[in-house]
Amino acid sequence: MKAVTFKGQNKVLGEGKEGIEPLPIFVDQANERLPVVTCWEFDNPKERKKFLRTGKLFITSITDGNGLSPMYLSSTNPIIQKPTTKEEKEEIKKNVKKMVDNQKK
């Protein structure tokens, strides 16, 4: 997989640095929690086919022993696209509540 540019991004991390792939991001500086959004795509056709077949995506996060930050995965750009169906709205509410509840623990 590779990080790709996307509508709404407002920063690129690592741009112009040797040995580092640029990472397009949207960072919401108005939110005290500083959420960051990135966009990824399958750049390997075999990987894409496997995902379509299994429906599974594995995510590895480097934590340096400092715990895991909450993540929300979606095929919808949360910056520019609003949920259109009642089911999408409920799914987002449920996932956000789960993230908040986990942070309180």
Protein backbone atom coordinates (compact mmCIF):
# COMPACT_ATOMS: atom_id res chain seq x y z
CA MET A 1 0.00 0.00 0.00
CA LYS A 2 1.06 3.55 -0.46
CA ALA A 3 -0.04 6.91 0.87
CA VAL A 4 -1.72 9.09 -1.75
CA THR A 5 -2.79 12.71 -2.05
CA PHE A 6 -6.46 13.40 -1.38
CA LYS A 7 -9.00 16.20 -1.45
CA GLY A 8 -8.84 18.16 1.79
CA GLN A 9 -5.23 17.38 2.74
CA ASN A 10 -3.46 20.39 4.22
CA LYS A 11 0.08 19.19 4.87
CA VAL A 12 2.72 16.72 3.63
CA LEU A 13 5.04 15.13 6.18
CA GLY A 14 8.56 14.12 5.16
CA GLU A 15 8.42 15.96 1.86
CA GLY A 16 11.87 16.35 0.29
CA LYS A 17 13.60 14.26 2.97
CA GLU A 18 15.96 11.59 1.73
CA GLY A 19 14.87 8.02 2.43
CA ILE A 20 11.37 9.06 3.54
CA GLU A 21 8.21 8.68 1.48
CA PRO A 22 6.05 11.83 1.69
CA LEU A 23 2.87 11.38 3.73
CA PRO A 24 -0.05 13.61 2.67
CA ILE A 25 -2.23 14.39 5.69
CA PHE A 26 -5.11 16.48 6.91
CA VAL A 27 -4.58 17.67 10.46
CA ASP A 28 -7.45 19.37 12.28
CA GLN A 29 -5.66 22.00 14.36
CA ALA A 30 -8.96 23.38 15.62
CA ASN A 31 -9.60 20.12 17.46
CA GLU A 32 -7.71 19.79 20.76
CA ARG A 33 -7.16 16.06 20.08
CA LEU A 34 -5.38 16.93 16.77
CA PRO A 35 -6.87 14.18 14.59
CA VAL A 36 -4.83 13.32 11.50
CA VAL A 37 -6.31 11.78 8.34
CA THR A 38 -4.26 9.93 5.71
CA CYS A 39 -5.37 8.19 2.52
CA TRP A 40 -3.92 4.90 1.26
CA GLU A 41 -4.37 2.81 -1.84
CA PHE A 42 -3.38 -0.66 -2.89
CA ASP A 43 -0.49 -0.25 -5.32
CA ASN A 44 -0.13 -4.00 -5.81
CA PRO A 45 -2.88 -5.71 -7.84
CA LYS A 46 -2.40 -8.99 -5.94
CA GLU A 47 -2.87 -7.17 -2.63
CA ARG A 48 -6.03 -5.49 -3.92
CA LYS A 49 -7.49 -8.79 -5.10
CA LYS A 50 -6.67 -10.45 -1.77
CA PHE A 51 -8.42 -7.65 0.10
CA LEU A 52 -11.49 -7.94 -2.11
CA ARG A 53 -11.52 -11.70 -1.56
CA THR A 54 -10.97 -11.69 2.23
CA GLY A 55 -12.28 -8.27 3.25
CA LYS A 56 -9.41 -8.06 5.77
CA LEU A 57 -6.87 -5.29 6.25
CA PHE A 58 -4.06 -5.61 8.79
CA ILE A 59 -2.66 -2.44 10.35
CA THR A 60 0.71 -2.26 12.08
CA SER A 61 1.35 0.68 14.39
CA ILE A 62 4.73 1.49 15.93
CA THR A 63 3.96 2.43 19.54
CA ASP A 64 7.39 2.52 21.22
CA GLY A 65 5.57 1.12 24.25
CA ASN A 66 3.38 4.20 24.63
CA GLY A 67 0.04 2.53 23.93
CA LEU A 68 -2.07 2.58 20.83
CA SER A 69 -3.90 5.67 19.68
CA PRO A 70 -7.53 5.24 18.62
CA MET A 71 -8.00 4.75 14.87
CA TYR A 72 -11.03 4.93 12.64
CA LEU A 73 -10.81 3.24 9.23
CA SER A 74 -13.24 4.11 6.46
CA SER A 75 -13.56 4.08 2.68
CA THR A 76 -15.22 7.52 2.92
CA ASN A 77 -13.15 10.71 3.10
CA PRO A 78 -14.24 12.13 6.49
CA ILE A 79 -13.09 15.63 5.55
CA ILE A 80 -15.25 16.32 2.52
CA GLN A 81 -17.91 13.61 2.35
CA LYS A 82 -20.82 13.56 4.72
CA PRO A 83 -22.63 10.31 5.50
CA THR A 84 -25.61 9.96 3.21
CA THR A 85 -27.60 7.11 4.69
CA LYS A 86 -28.99 6.55 8.15
CA GLU A 87 -26.81 3.40 8.40
CA GLU A 88 -23.61 5.37 7.59
CA LYS A 89 -24.51 8.00 10.21
CA GLU A 90 -25.19 5.35 12.85
CA GLU A 91 -21.95 3.49 12.03
CA ILE A 92 -19.90 6.68 12.43
CA LYS A 93 -21.65 7.53 15.73
CA LYS A 94 -21.02 4.01 17.04
CA ASN A 95 -17.31 4.07 16.08
CA VAL A 96 -16.71 7.54 17.53
CA LYS A 97 -18.44 6.51 20.79
CA LYS A 98 -16.25 3.39 20.94
CA MET A 99 -13.11 5.50 20.47
CA VAL A 100 -14.16 7.97 23.19
CA ASP A 101 -15.10 5.18 25.61
CA ASN A 102 -11.75 3.45 25.06
CA GLN A 103 -9.88 6.68 25.75
CA LYS A 104 -11.62 6.98 29.14
CA LYS A 105 -10.30 3.58 30.26
